[in-house]
N, C-alpha and C. Protein backbone atom coordinates (compact mmCIF):
# COMPACT_ATOMS: atom_id res chain seq x y z
N ARG A 1 -14.73 -4.99 -12.19
CA ARG A 1 -13.37 -4.47 -12.39
C ARG A 1 -12.67 -4.24 -11.05
N ALA A 2 -13.38 -3.59 -10.11
CA ALA A 2 -12.79 -3.34 -8.79
C ALA A 2 -12.47 -4.66 -8.08
N GLN A 3 -13.32 -5.65 -8.27
CA GLN A 3 -13.10 -6.96 -7.64
C GLN A 3 -11.83 -7.61 -8.19
N GLU A 4 -11.58 -7.44 -9.49
CA GLU A 4 -10.36 -7.99 -10.09
C GLU A 4 -9.12 -7.35 -9.47
N VAL A 5 -9.17 -6.03 -9.29
CA VAL A 5 -8.05 -5.31 -8.69
C VAL A 5 -7.84 -5.78 -7.26
N ALA A 6 -8.93 -5.92 -6.51
CA ALA A 6 -8.84 -6.38 -5.12
C ALA A 6 -8.23 -7.78 -5.05
N ASN A 7 -8.64 -8.66 -5.93
CA ASN A 7 -8.09 -10.02 -5.95
C ASN A 7 -6.60 -10.02 -6.30
N ALA A 8 -6.22 -9.23 -7.28
CA ALA A 8 -4.81 -9.15 -7.68
C ALA A 8 -3.96 -8.59 -6.55
N THR A 9 -4.48 -7.57 -5.87
CA THR A 9 -3.76 -6.96 -4.75
C THR A 9 -3.59 -7.97 -3.62
N GLU A 10 -4.65 -8.68 -3.30
CA GLU A 10 -4.60 -9.68 -2.23
C GLU A 10 -3.58 -10.77 -2.54
N GLU A 11 -3.54 -11.20 -3.80
CA GLU A 11 -2.59 -12.23 -4.22
C GLU A 11 -1.15 -11.71 -4.10
N TYR A 12 -0.93 -10.45 -4.50
CA TYR A 12 0.41 -9.86 -4.42
C TYR A 12 0.88 -9.78 -2.97
N VAL A 13 -0.03 -9.35 -2.08
CA VAL A 13 0.32 -9.22 -0.66
C VAL A 13 0.67 -10.59 -0.07
N ARG A 14 -0.04 -11.63 -0.47
CA ARG A 14 0.27 -12.99 0.02
C ARG A 14 1.65 -13.44 -0.44
N GLU A 15 2.02 -13.08 -1.67
CA GLU A 15 3.31 -13.51 -2.22
C GLU A 15 4.47 -12.65 -1.70
N ASN A 16 4.20 -11.39 -1.39
CA ASN A 16 5.27 -10.46 -0.98
C ASN A 16 4.86 -9.67 0.27
N PRO A 17 4.69 -10.35 1.42
CA PRO A 17 4.15 -9.64 2.59
C PRO A 17 5.03 -8.51 3.08
N TRP A 18 6.34 -8.71 3.17
CA TRP A 18 7.21 -7.66 3.73
C TRP A 18 7.36 -6.49 2.79
N GLN A 19 7.40 -6.75 1.50
CA GLN A 19 7.48 -5.66 0.53
C GLN A 19 6.20 -4.82 0.60
N SER A 20 5.07 -5.48 0.79
CA SER A 20 3.80 -4.77 0.90
C SER A 20 3.77 -3.89 2.15
N VAL A 21 4.31 -4.40 3.26
CA VAL A 21 4.38 -3.61 4.49
C VAL A 21 5.26 -2.38 4.27
N GLY A 22 6.38 -2.56 3.59
CA GLY A 22 7.27 -1.44 3.31
C GLY A 22 6.62 -0.38 2.43
N ILE A 23 5.90 -0.81 1.41
CA ILE A 23 5.21 0.13 0.53
C ILE A 23 4.15 0.89 1.31
N ALA A 24 3.38 0.18 2.14
CA ALA A 24 2.33 0.83 2.94
C ALA A 24 2.94 1.83 3.92
N ALA A 25 4.05 1.47 4.55
CA ALA A 25 4.71 2.36 5.50
C ALA A 25 5.25 3.60 4.79
N GLY A 26 5.85 3.41 3.63
CA GLY A 26 6.37 4.54 2.86
C GLY A 26 5.26 5.46 2.41
N PHE A 27 4.15 4.89 1.98
CA PHE A 27 3.01 5.68 1.55
C PHE A 27 2.44 6.47 2.72
N GLY A 28 2.33 5.84 3.88
CA GLY A 28 1.83 6.51 5.08
C GLY A 28 2.74 7.65 5.50
N LEU A 29 4.05 7.42 5.44
CA LEU A 29 5.02 8.46 5.79
C LEU A 29 4.90 9.65 4.84
N LEU A 30 4.82 9.38 3.56
CA LEU A 30 4.68 10.43 2.55
C LEU A 30 3.40 11.22 2.77
N LEU A 31 2.31 10.52 3.01
CA LEU A 31 1.03 11.18 3.25
C LEU A 31 1.09 12.04 4.51
N GLY A 32 1.72 11.53 5.56
CA GLY A 32 1.88 12.30 6.79
C GLY A 32 2.69 13.56 6.58
N LEU A 33 3.76 13.47 5.81
CA LEU A 33 4.58 14.65 5.53
C LEU A 33 3.79 15.70 4.75
N LEU A 34 3.05 15.24 3.76
CA LEU A 34 2.26 16.17 2.95
C LEU A 34 1.18 16.86 3.79
N LEU A 35 0.51 16.11 4.65
CA LEU A 35 -0.56 16.68 5.46
C LEU A 35 -0.03 17.59 6.56
N SER A 36 1.17 17.31 7.08
CA SER A 36 1.71 18.13 8.16
C SER A 36 2.20 19.49 7.67
N ARG A 37 2.44 19.62 6.38
CA ARG A 37 2.94 20.89 5.85
C ARG A 37 1.84 21.90 5.60
N ARG A 38 0.60 21.47 5.69
CA ARG A 38 -0.51 22.40 5.43
C ARG A 38 -0.90 23.15 6.67
């Protein structure tokens, strides 16, 4: 099951590289904000 998810994610990133970068950056920013408030 995990391998299926990994394959689907890899395929999505290949098809939409810049959107994936944006999502990762947004997630990192959100995580940083949450961790800095503690």
